[in-house]
Protein backbone atom coordinates (compact mmCIF):
# COMPACT_ATOMS: atom_id res chain seq x y z
CA MET A 1 65.36 171.40 34.44
CA THR A 2 67.54 171.08 31.26
CA THR A 3 69.97 174.18 32.56
CA ARG A 4 71.28 175.11 36.02
CA PRO A 5 74.07 177.34 37.07
CA LEU A 6 77.13 175.62 36.80
CA GLY A 7 78.04 175.66 40.16
CA ALA A 8 74.67 173.58 40.87
CA GLN A 9 75.65 171.18 37.77
CA ILE A 10 79.04 170.60 39.30
CA SER A 11 77.60 169.11 42.73
CA HIS A 12 75.12 167.01 40.58
CA MET A 13 78.11 165.74 38.59
CA LEU A 14 79.92 164.91 41.61
CA LYS A 15 77.08 162.93 43.06
CA ASP A 16 76.63 160.93 39.69
CA ARG A 17 80.53 159.92 40.26
CA GLY A 18 80.09 158.98 43.91
CA VAL A 19 80.91 161.62 45.94
CA ASP A 20 78.60 161.82 48.73
CA THR A 21 80.31 164.25 51.27
CA ILE A 22 82.08 167.55 50.74
CA PHE A 23 83.91 169.56 53.51
CA GLY A 24 83.95 173.21 53.11
CA ILE A 25 82.87 177.14 54.11
CA PRO A 26 80.68 178.95 51.94
CA GLY A 27 81.38 182.42 50.97
CA VAL A 28 80.11 185.12 48.48
CA HIS A 29 82.65 184.03 45.72
CA ASN A 30 81.47 180.33 45.79
CA GLN A 31 77.81 180.45 47.01
CA GLU A 32 76.99 179.10 43.50
CA MET A 33 78.42 175.64 44.26
CA TYR A 34 76.39 175.61 47.15
CA ARG A 35 73.10 176.05 45.22
CA GLY A 36 73.01 172.49 43.86
CA ILE A 37 74.61 170.67 47.06
CA GLU A 38 71.40 169.66 49.04
CA GLU A 39 69.48 168.93 45.63
CA ALA A 40 72.34 166.46 44.53
CA GLY A 41 71.64 165.08 47.84
CA ILE A 42 75.16 165.60 49.03
CA THR A 43 76.12 166.13 52.59
CA HIS A 44 78.24 169.23 53.54
CA VAL A 45 80.26 169.49 56.53
CA LEU A 46 80.94 173.11 57.61
CA ALA A 47 84.39 173.75 58.84
CA ARG A 48 85.34 176.33 60.86
CA HIS A 49 88.40 177.11 58.75
CA GLU A 50 89.62 176.14 55.28
CA GLN A 51 92.48 174.37 56.59
CA GLY A 52 90.02 172.06 58.93
CA ALA A 53 87.82 171.18 55.86
CA GLY A 54 91.12 170.42 53.92
CA PHE A 55 92.29 168.13 56.86
CA MET A 56 88.71 166.67 57.07
CA ALA A 57 88.64 165.68 53.18
CA ASP A 58 92.19 164.26 53.56
CA GLY A 59 90.82 162.17 56.69
CA TYR A 60 87.75 160.89 55.00
CA ALA A 61 89.68 159.83 52.01
CA ARG A 62 92.19 157.94 53.91
CA ALA A 63 89.66 156.24 56.01
CA THR A 64 87.38 155.37 53.27
CA GLY A 65 89.75 155.24 50.05
CA ARG A 66 87.52 157.37 48.42
CA VAL A 67 88.21 161.04 46.99
CA GLY A 68 87.80 163.74 49.54
CA VAL A 69 86.10 166.73 48.29
CA ALA A 70 86.19 170.38 49.40
CA TYR A 71 84.63 173.84 48.50
CA VAL A 72 86.59 176.84 49.06
CA ILE A 73 86.41 180.28 47.96
CA SER A 74 88.74 182.32 46.02
CA GLY A 75 91.96 184.24 47.87
CA PRO A 76 92.23 183.28 51.41
CA GLY A 77 90.34 180.46 51.09
CA VAL A 78 92.54 178.66 48.54
CA CYS A 79 95.72 180.08 50.60
CA ASN A 80 94.00 178.62 53.97
CA ILE A 81 93.57 175.02 52.22
CA MET A 82 97.15 174.64 50.78
CA THR A 83 98.51 173.44 53.85
CA PRO A 84 96.23 170.50 53.66
CA MET A 85 96.89 170.23 50.01
CA GLY A 86 100.66 169.88 50.60
CA GLN A 87 99.85 167.26 53.11
CA ALA A 88 97.83 165.28 50.80
CA TYR A 89 100.39 165.47 48.30
CA SER A 90 103.22 164.09 50.24
CA ASP A 91 101.38 161.38 51.48
CA SER A 92 99.58 160.60 48.05
CA VAL A 93 95.94 161.15 49.33
CA PRO A 94 93.26 161.63 46.79
CA MET A 95 91.59 164.94 47.31
CA LEU A 96 89.83 167.29 44.90
CA VAL A 97 89.81 171.01 45.77
CA LEU A 98 87.04 173.19 43.91
CA SER A 99 87.43 176.86 44.33
CA SER A 100 86.19 179.89 42.70
CA VAL A 101 88.33 182.43 41.32
CA LEU A 102 88.04 186.14 40.09
CA ASP A 103 86.83 186.77 36.53
CA GLU A 104 90.01 188.90 35.67
CA THR A 105 93.01 190.02 37.68
CA GLU A 106 95.23 191.81 35.34
CA ALA A 107 93.75 194.92 34.69
CA LYS A 108 91.70 195.34 37.74
CA ARG A 109 93.43 195.87 41.42
CA GLY A 110 91.69 195.89 44.82
CA GLN A 111 89.01 193.28 44.30
CA LEU A 112 87.84 191.23 47.26
CA HIS A 113 89.91 187.88 47.80
CA GLN A 114 92.33 188.90 44.90
CA MET A 115 95.40 187.11 44.33
CA LYS A 116 98.06 187.61 41.65
CA ASP A 117 98.04 183.87 40.45
CA GLN A 118 95.67 181.75 42.30
CA GLU A 119 96.04 178.96 40.14
CA ALA A 120 100.04 178.95 40.36
CA ALA A 121 100.09 179.38 44.08
CA ALA A 122 97.91 176.00 44.66
CA GLY A 123 99.84 174.27 42.26
CA THR A 124 102.87 174.34 44.37
CA VAL A 125 101.24 171.98 46.86
CA CYS A 126 99.14 169.51 44.48
CA ASP A 127 99.41 167.41 41.52
CA TRP A 128 98.04 169.74 39.35
CA SER A 129 96.21 173.21 39.75
CA VAL A 130 93.95 174.23 36.54
CA THR A 131 91.52 176.96 35.83
CA ALA A 132 88.12 175.67 34.13
CA ARG A 133 86.89 178.52 32.02
CA THR A 134 83.80 176.98 30.37
CA ALA A 135 81.38 174.50 31.59
CA GLU A 136 82.59 171.58 29.09
CA ALA A 137 86.15 172.13 30.37
CA SER A 138 84.85 171.99 34.06
CA TYR A 139 83.35 168.54 33.52
CA GLN A 140 86.37 167.28 31.45
CA LEU A 141 88.64 168.18 34.22
CA ILE A 142 86.73 167.02 37.00
CA ASP A 143 86.55 163.68 34.97
CA ARG A 144 90.39 163.70 34.61
CA ALA A 145 91.10 164.43 38.38
CA LEU A 146 88.78 161.64 39.51
CA MET A 147 90.19 159.12 37.08
CA GLN A 148 93.64 159.95 37.81
CA MET A 149 92.94 159.37 41.35
CA VAL A 150 91.73 155.92 40.90
CA MET A 151 93.79 154.53 38.14
CA GLY A 152 97.34 156.33 38.83
CA VAL A 153 99.04 157.57 42.20
CA PRO A 154 96.57 159.30 44.43
CA SER A 155 97.31 162.79 44.80
CA PRO A 156 95.47 166.22 45.07
CA LYS A 157 94.04 168.11 42.26
CA HIS A 158 92.64 171.59 42.35
CA ILE A 159 90.34 173.19 39.92
CA GLN A 160 89.14 176.82 39.80
CA VAL A 161 86.19 178.26 38.12
CA PRO A 162 85.68 181.89 37.41
CA ILE A 163 82.84 183.31 39.58
CA ALA A 164 80.76 184.50 36.09
CA GLN A 165 81.36 181.12 34.77
CA LEU A 166 79.88 179.20 38.19
CA GLU A 167 76.84 181.90 38.05
CA ALA A 168 76.08 180.97 34.29
CA GLN A 169 73.42 178.55 32.97
CA ALA A 170 75.00 175.43 31.62
CA GLU A 171 73.57 172.44 30.33
CA ALA A 172 74.27 168.98 32.88
CA ALA A 173 77.36 167.30 32.93
CA PRO A 174 77.55 164.03 30.78
CA ALA A 175 76.36 161.02 32.88
CA ARG A 176 78.78 158.69 34.43
CA THR A 177 79.82 156.03 31.78
CA PRO A 178 78.57 152.49 32.79
CA ASP A 179 82.52 151.51 32.75
CA TRP A 180 83.43 154.20 35.27
CA PRO A 181 86.23 152.57 37.02
CA THR A 182 86.45 151.88 40.94
CA CYS A 183 89.94 151.08 40.96
CA ALA A 184 92.96 150.26 39.09
CA GLU A 185 92.34 147.34 36.39
CA PRO A 186 94.98 144.36 37.43
CA ALA A 187 98.34 144.86 35.68
CA PRO A 188 99.35 141.51 33.94
CA LEU A 189 102.63 139.81 35.18
CA VAL A 190 105.36 141.07 32.77
CA SER A 191 108.08 138.41 33.84
CA ARG A 192 108.98 135.94 36.58
CA THR A 193 111.99 138.20 37.87
CA VAL A 194 110.46 138.50 41.43
CA VAL A 195 109.74 134.77 41.53
CA ASP A 196 112.93 133.56 40.33
CA ARG A 197 114.77 135.60 42.43
CA LEU A 198 112.85 134.79 45.59
CA LEU A 199 113.37 131.28 44.63
CA ALA A 200 117.18 131.76 44.59
CA ALA A 201 117.58 134.13 47.72
CA LYS A 202 118.61 132.64 51.10
CA ARG A 203 117.42 135.66 53.21
CA PRO A 204 115.05 137.69 51.41
CA LEU A 205 113.53 140.72 53.03
CA PHE A 206 110.65 142.58 52.11
CA ILE A 207 109.49 146.39 52.90
CA PHE A 208 105.92 147.45 52.45
CA GLY A 209 104.65 150.66 52.20
CA GLY A 210 101.19 152.15 51.93
CA GLY A 211 100.93 151.51 48.50
CA ALA A 212 100.69 147.66 49.37
CA ALA A 213 97.83 147.94 51.57
CA ARG A 214 95.05 147.32 49.30
CA ASN A 215 93.71 143.61 49.08
CA VAL A 216 96.49 142.36 51.38
CA GLU A 217 94.25 139.14 52.08
CA SER A 218 94.80 138.20 48.26
CA TRP A 219 98.49 137.90 48.75
CA LEU A 220 99.23 137.37 52.54
CA PRO A 221 99.04 133.73 52.42
CA HIS A 222 101.48 133.12 49.82
CA PHE A 223 103.85 135.66 51.43
CA GLN A 224 103.97 133.55 54.56
CA ARG A 225 105.11 130.64 52.64
CA LEU A 226 108.01 132.58 51.66
CA ASN A 227 109.52 132.84 55.15
CA ALA A 228 110.98 135.95 54.10
CA ALA A 229 111.89 138.79 56.98
CA SER A 230 109.80 141.99 56.39
CA PHE A 231 109.60 145.76 57.46
CA THR A 232 106.90 148.31 57.08
CA THR A 233 106.89 151.75 56.83
CA TYR A 234 104.76 154.03 59.14
CA ALA A 235 102.19 154.12 56.55
CA GLY A 236 102.30 150.33 56.01
CA ARG A 237 101.72 148.99 59.34
CA GLY A 238 99.26 146.34 59.65
CA ILE A 239 100.13 144.87 56.39
CA ILE A 240 102.19 142.17 57.95
CA PRO A 241 100.66 140.78 61.44
CA ASP A 242 102.57 142.22 64.24
CA ASP A 243 103.17 138.94 65.47
CA PHE A 244 104.73 137.02 62.20
CA PRO A 245 107.71 135.71 63.68
CA LEU A 246 110.33 137.23 60.90
CA HIS A 247 108.65 140.91 61.02
CA TYR A 248 110.61 143.42 62.29
CA GLY A 249 107.92 145.98 62.62
CA ALA A 250 107.49 149.74 61.49
CA MET A 251 111.29 150.13 62.58
CA LEU A 252 113.08 151.56 59.72
CA ALA A 253 113.84 154.57 61.30
CA ARG A 254 115.91 152.87 63.61
CA PRO A 255 119.88 153.04 62.99
CA GLY A 256 120.35 149.52 63.48
CA SER A 257 117.78 148.69 60.65
CA ALA A 258 120.43 149.26 57.97
CA ASP A 259 122.68 146.82 59.47
CA VAL A 260 119.56 144.21 59.28
CA ILE A 261 119.02 145.16 55.73
CA ALA A 262 122.63 144.83 54.56
CA SER A 263 122.36 140.98 55.64
CA ALA A 264 119.66 140.27 53.13
CA ASP A 265 120.76 138.91 49.82
CA LEU A 266 117.65 140.13 48.28
CA VAL A 267 115.38 143.16 49.05
CA VAL A 268 111.99 143.57 47.66
CA ALA A 269 110.22 147.23 48.24
CA VAL A 270 106.67 147.39 47.64
CA GLY A 271 104.34 150.57 47.56
CA THR A 272 106.77 152.84 49.07
CA ARG A 273 108.94 155.73 48.34
CA LEU A 274 111.47 154.76 50.81
CA SER A 275 111.67 158.49 51.63
CA GLU A 276 113.30 160.52 54.06
CA VAL A 277 110.50 160.30 56.69
CA ASP A 278 110.66 156.62 56.19
CA LEU A 279 114.18 156.04 56.90
CA TRP A 280 115.66 159.26 58.49
CA ARG A 281 119.01 158.64 56.66
CA ASP A 282 120.02 158.92 52.95
CA GLY A 283 120.19 155.21 52.11
CA LEU A 284 118.48 152.13 52.63
CA GLY A 285 121.69 150.18 53.73
CA HIS A 286 121.13 147.31 50.99
CA THR A 287 124.24 145.60 49.79
CA ALA A 288 121.83 143.04 47.91
CA PRO A 289 119.89 143.47 44.68
CA LEU A 290 116.96 145.81 45.15
CA ILE A 291 113.79 145.41 43.46
CA ARG A 292 110.89 148.05 43.55
CA ILE A 293 107.29 147.46 42.70
CA ASP A 294 105.41 150.85 42.67
CA LEU A 295 103.05 152.76 40.70
CA ASP A 296 104.97 155.97 40.79
CA PRO A 297 107.86 155.99 38.37
CA GLU A 298 109.37 158.60 40.57
CA SER A 299 109.85 155.68 43.08
CA LEU A 300 111.41 153.44 40.78
CA THR A 301 113.86 156.27 39.84
CA ASP A 302 115.02 157.48 42.80
CA GLN A 303 118.27 157.75 44.83
CA HIS A 304 118.39 154.04 45.76
CA ARG A 305 118.72 152.71 42.15
CA ALA A 306 116.85 149.34 42.03
CA GLU A 307 118.24 146.81 40.08
CA VAL A 308 114.85 145.52 38.93
CA ARG A 309 112.04 148.26 38.51
CA ILE A 310 108.36 147.12 38.07
CA LEU A 311 105.53 149.62 37.49
CA ALA A 312 102.43 147.94 38.48
CA ASP A 313 99.68 148.25 41.37
CA ALA A 314 101.49 146.36 44.29
CA SER A 315 98.78 144.21 45.58
CA THR A 316 98.02 143.23 42.07
CA HIS A 317 101.73 142.40 41.41
CA LEU A 318 102.33 140.41 44.82
CA THR A 319 99.08 138.53 44.18
CA GLU A 320 100.24 137.11 40.64
CA SER A 321 103.62 136.71 41.35
CA LEU A 322 103.84 134.97 44.82
CA SER A 323 100.69 132.78 43.92
CA GLN A 324 103.19 131.13 41.79
CA ILE A 325 105.59 129.69 44.80
CA GLU A 326 103.49 126.92 46.00
CA ASP A 327 106.14 125.10 48.56
CA VAL A 328 107.25 126.60 51.74
CA GLN A 329 110.50 127.85 51.52
CA LYS A 330 113.54 127.54 53.57
CA SER A 331 114.85 130.50 55.51
CA GLY A 332 117.93 132.24 56.53
CA TRP A 333 115.94 134.26 59.06
CA THR A 334 115.47 133.16 62.25
CA ALA A 335 112.68 134.10 64.76
CA LYS A 336 114.92 134.59 67.63
CA GLU A 337 117.18 136.89 65.87
CA VAL A 338 114.15 139.16 64.81
CA ALA A 339 112.74 138.80 68.32
CA ASP A 340 115.93 139.96 69.98
CA GLN A 341 116.40 142.82 67.73
CA ARG A 342 112.88 144.11 67.86
CA ALA A 343 113.38 143.83 71.95
CA LEU A 344 116.41 146.10 71.63
CA TRP A 345 115.04 148.58 69.50
CA ARG A 346 112.06 148.93 71.93
CA ALA A 347 114.66 149.43 74.76
CA GLU A 348 115.98 152.00 72.65
CA LEU A 349 112.74 153.69 72.23
CA ASN A 350 111.82 153.63 75.74
CA ALA A 351 115.01 154.90 76.70
CA GLU A 352 114.66 157.80 74.17
CA ARG A 353 110.81 158.95 75.51
CA PRO A 354 110.59 157.39 79.13
CA GLY A 355 106.90 157.05 80.29
CA ILE A 356 105.26 156.74 77.02
CA LEU A 357 105.33 153.29 76.13
CA PRO A 358 103.20 152.18 79.28
CA VAL A 359 100.32 154.45 77.85
CA VAL A 360 100.91 153.15 74.67
CA ALA A 361 99.91 149.53 75.96
CA ALA A 362 96.99 151.22 77.63
CA LEU A 363 95.82 152.63 74.48
CA LYS A 364 96.03 149.17 72.88
CA ASP A 365 94.21 147.64 75.86
CA ALA A 366 91.66 150.02 75.71
CA VAL A 367 90.21 150.59 72.44
CA PRO A 368 88.37 147.96 70.38
CA PRO A 369 90.40 146.11 67.55
CA ASP A 370 88.98 147.96 64.34
CA THR A 371 89.72 151.40 65.81
CA MET A 372 90.95 153.84 63.29
CA PHE A 373 93.70 156.50 64.46
CA PHE A 374 94.59 160.23 63.13
CA SER A 375 97.77 161.24 65.30
CA ASP A 376 99.46 164.79 65.19
CA MET A 377 103.49 165.83 65.45
CA THR A 378 103.43 164.87 68.89
CA GLN A 379 106.02 162.97 70.93
CA PHE A 380 103.34 160.33 72.09
CA ALA A 381 102.33 159.69 68.25
CA TYR A 382 106.09 159.17 67.14
CA ALA A 383 106.75 156.53 69.77
CA ALA A 384 103.33 154.80 69.19
CA LYS A 385 103.83 154.62 65.43
CA GLU A 386 107.08 152.70 65.76
CA VAL A 387 105.59 149.89 68.32
CA TYR A 388 101.65 149.97 68.68
CA PRO A 389 100.68 146.55 67.23
CA MET A 390 98.45 147.01 64.41
CA ASP A 391 95.91 144.17 63.55
CA ARG A 392 94.97 145.40 59.97
CA PRO A 393 96.48 148.26 57.50
CA GLY A 394 95.24 151.73 56.76
CA HIS A 395 94.11 152.49 60.37
CA TRP A 396 96.72 154.84 61.78
CA HIS A 397 96.79 158.02 60.01
CA HIS A 398 99.61 160.68 60.39
CA PRO A 399 100.98 163.59 58.50
CA TYR A 400 104.07 161.76 57.64
CA GLY A 401 105.50 163.97 54.75
CA PHE A 402 104.40 167.25 55.36
CA GLY A 403 104.34 167.10 58.85
CA THR A 404 102.11 169.49 59.95
CA LEU A 405 100.87 170.44 63.22
CA GLY A 406 97.14 170.54 63.57
CA TYR A 407 96.02 167.72 61.66
CA ALA A 408 94.87 165.14 63.63
CA LEU A 409 91.58 166.73 65.09
CA PRO A 410 89.91 167.54 61.69
CA ALA A 411 91.14 164.53 60.03
CA ALA A 412 89.60 162.23 62.59
CA ILE A 413 86.63 164.36 62.04
CA GLY A 414 86.39 163.51 58.18
CA GLY A 415 87.38 160.05 58.89
CA LYS A 416 84.82 159.66 61.56
CA VAL A 417 82.16 161.26 58.76
CA GLY A 418 83.48 158.38 56.40
CA VAL A 419 83.63 155.37 58.57
CA GLY A 420 79.90 155.94 60.51
CA ASP A 421 79.95 153.71 63.44
CA GLN A 422 83.66 152.35 63.31
CA PRO A 423 85.58 153.62 66.31
CA VAL A 424 87.98 156.58 65.62
CA VAL A 425 90.44 158.13 67.85
CA ALA A 426 92.37 161.40 67.45
CA ILE A 427 95.54 161.89 68.89
CA LEU A 428 97.35 165.33 69.86
CA GLY A 429 100.02 167.28 71.60
CA ASP A 430 98.84 170.27 73.66
CA TYR A 431 100.54 172.54 70.82
CA GLY A 432 99.31 171.31 67.91
CA PHE A 433 95.82 170.87 69.40
CA GLN A 434 95.52 174.89 69.45
CA TYR A 435 96.07 174.73 65.61
CA THR A 436 92.62 173.84 64.89
CA VAL A 437 91.02 173.59 68.20
CA GLN A 438 87.94 175.61 66.59
CA GLU A 439 87.08 172.29 64.37
CA LEU A 440 85.82 170.90 67.82
CA ALA A 441 82.96 172.80 67.12
CA VAL A 442 82.20 170.49 63.99
CA ALA A 443 82.68 167.36 66.05
CA VAL A 444 80.17 168.66 68.56
CA GLU A 445 77.67 169.99 66.03
CA LEU A 446 77.78 166.08 64.21
CA GLU A 447 77.69 164.47 67.64
CA LEU A 448 80.48 162.54 66.40
CA THR A 449 81.47 159.80 69.07
CA LEU A 450 85.33 160.82 69.22
CA PRO A 451 87.80 160.33 71.96
CA ILE A 452 90.38 163.12 71.51
CA ILE A 453 93.63 162.52 73.28
CA ILE A 454 95.85 165.57 73.99
CA TRP A 455 99.26 164.55 75.39
CA ASP A 456 100.13 167.54 77.48
CA ASN A 457 103.72 168.16 78.38
CA GLY A 458 103.20 171.85 78.46
CA LYS A 459 106.10 172.58 75.74
CA LEU A 460 107.24 171.99 72.28
CA GLY A 461 109.07 168.99 73.74
CA GLU A 462 110.68 167.19 70.47
CA ILE A 463 112.06 170.68 69.42
CA GLU A 464 113.33 171.21 73.16
CA ASP A 465 115.02 167.85 72.72
CA GLY A 466 116.34 168.67 69.34
CA MET A 467 117.88 172.02 70.54
CA VAL A 468 119.46 170.13 73.39
CA ARG A 469 121.02 167.56 71.27
CA ALA A 470 122.41 170.44 69.26
CA GLN A 471 123.80 172.41 72.18
CA ILE A 472 121.19 175.14 71.67
CA ALA A 473 120.13 176.79 74.80
CA PRO A 474 115.97 175.99 74.29
CA ASN A 475 114.31 178.74 73.51
CA ALA A 476 110.72 179.77 72.51
CA VAL A 477 109.77 175.80 73.37
CA VAL A 478 107.74 176.58 76.50
CA GLN A 479 104.12 177.99 76.19
CA ARG A 480 101.28 178.70 78.59
CA ASN A 481 98.25 176.53 77.66
CA PRO A 482 94.58 177.46 78.37
CA ASP A 483 92.61 174.78 80.59
CA PHE A 484 91.83 172.07 78.05
CA LEU A 485 89.03 170.78 80.09
CA LYS A 486 87.33 174.10 80.32
CA LEU A 487 87.77 174.91 76.79
CA ALA A 488 86.52 171.71 75.46
CA GLU A 489 83.28 172.24 77.56
CA ALA A 490 82.99 175.69 76.18
CA TYR A 491 82.84 174.21 72.73
CA GLY A 492 80.03 171.62 74.19
CA ALA A 493 82.29 168.47 74.34
CA ALA A 494 83.03 166.33 77.11
CA ALA A 495 86.38 166.44 79.10
CA VAL A 496 88.22 164.42 81.75
CA GLN A 497 91.71 164.27 82.76
CA PRO A 498 92.74 160.99 84.15
CA LYS A 499 95.12 160.54 86.81
CA THR A 500 96.34 157.13 86.22
CA LEU A 501 96.92 154.41 83.45
CA GLU A 502 93.57 152.40 84.67
CA GLY A 503 91.65 155.92 84.57
CA PHE A 504 92.75 156.64 81.24
CA ALA A 505 91.55 153.18 79.95
CA GLY A 506 88.58 153.68 81.56
CA ALA A 507 88.10 157.49 79.92
CA LEU A 508 88.49 155.82 76.63
CA GLN A 509 85.97 153.31 77.31
CA GLU A 510 83.33 155.75 78.78
CA ALA A 511 84.43 158.08 75.36
CA PHE A 512 83.30 155.36 73.12
CA ALA A 513 80.20 154.85 74.74
CA ARG A 514 78.96 158.62 74.76
CA LYS A 515 77.13 160.59 72.14
CA GLY A 516 79.80 163.36 71.17
CA PRO A 517 83.22 164.10 71.48
CA THR A 518 85.34 163.60 74.57
CA VAL A 519 88.68 165.40 75.29
CA ILE A 520 90.83 163.35 77.26
CA ARG A 521 93.88 165.50 78.61
CA VAL A 522 96.89 163.24 79.67
CA ILE A 523 99.49 164.83 81.56
CA SER A 524 102.72 163.24 80.04
CA ASP A 525 104.16 161.86 83.17
CA ILE A 526 101.05 159.86 83.91
CA ALA A 527 102.93 156.54 83.86
CA VAL A 528 106.03 157.82 85.70
């Protein structure tokens, strides 16, 4: 066929650009987008809610490094996926949302799925939101979105196409060019600034964010010769081996980290925004010069006021700069001071969240080394993402910035779809699980081997603690939960409630051996 309806042509175009999976829900307004999916050879995952489709696309993107794509209808479909779009925007996740839109909204009221300004609404939670009014514009905008996600800072985009245009016949999109990029081209080393400053420093300190997670093996051996101290953000965990003797771990949010940072005579922040959710304080705490290496100009011009700002791909710049340092450097840092400080912070965390760290240790012992985690806004995850020893980067995904409940289950489903046989675990609280519980049906339908840990304290525990600290009588923080085991079984999933830490470890191992998802309910006092 030389022509097809535009909706079908878009699916063929996406397949040509490397898209193999789309998450979404068909409806009367976007059904033309579904005409071409099977013919193009794309797998479609049917979510139970557009919010779930968005989180699945997010999880797929984080797990694979490829763009997560979602199809939704106009009006409520776009509104429902806006929360996942906001989460992806805050955490720099490459996600493309394609939706239908009514052909005309000004002169006619009362149409199905009508919004006043759908394009503008979606634009509040993503990098950009545009309307493609012709087939040519659709193709150009899709290519622009995909190219920007590869070549720049990854972030979600929204493209909407009028319904009549989706139905209209259109020529095929131009074929992918032979030079279609799969990653950003290496940036040349523009100066020896970083090298010279590192060689002059006695106590250099690095802070690595998620933007430094690519190609770690290319620069890590050079970094280790520096004998510099290091932190990672939560998103950067696993970049530096947890047992590296001068590594402070993901403890930036500890108030005492400001004193450690103040003791450095050079601070290098790589691939991180140093945002509120990284630090939980206004300032980094540095008194020494600060160097920033980042692809995002916003990070280079923020309130931390770096003395040296380098706009470059983090991994590429680290490889090219650190490889120039051939000799092992003397260090003003000692392994003992780092170990002592980490032990102190771990004790603080154990006092703040009693009973959680033993469960974290049991989790570590029970899962395979290449397990990928997707966690929700829950107290168990808050503790685990500070101390869980990651042995590789990009394997613990959390809704860091936007901080939405209900993320972990659908994101883990999307991640599992993306990584196939690699083990994946979802970690949720009892309250957050109920935000997107319906997506459990997707995991059952796809027969995904997926342990789903529900940390059940019967309340909004973090909010209750915050109210108490603020001397507010706890209100609206205790809810009546369903029987999670029966609920899981009603969906067709396996379900278990271990009574001991040993039972918890055994339940995890059995879940990894089972075809289909397993809900593991863990009462919060299991280790007490």
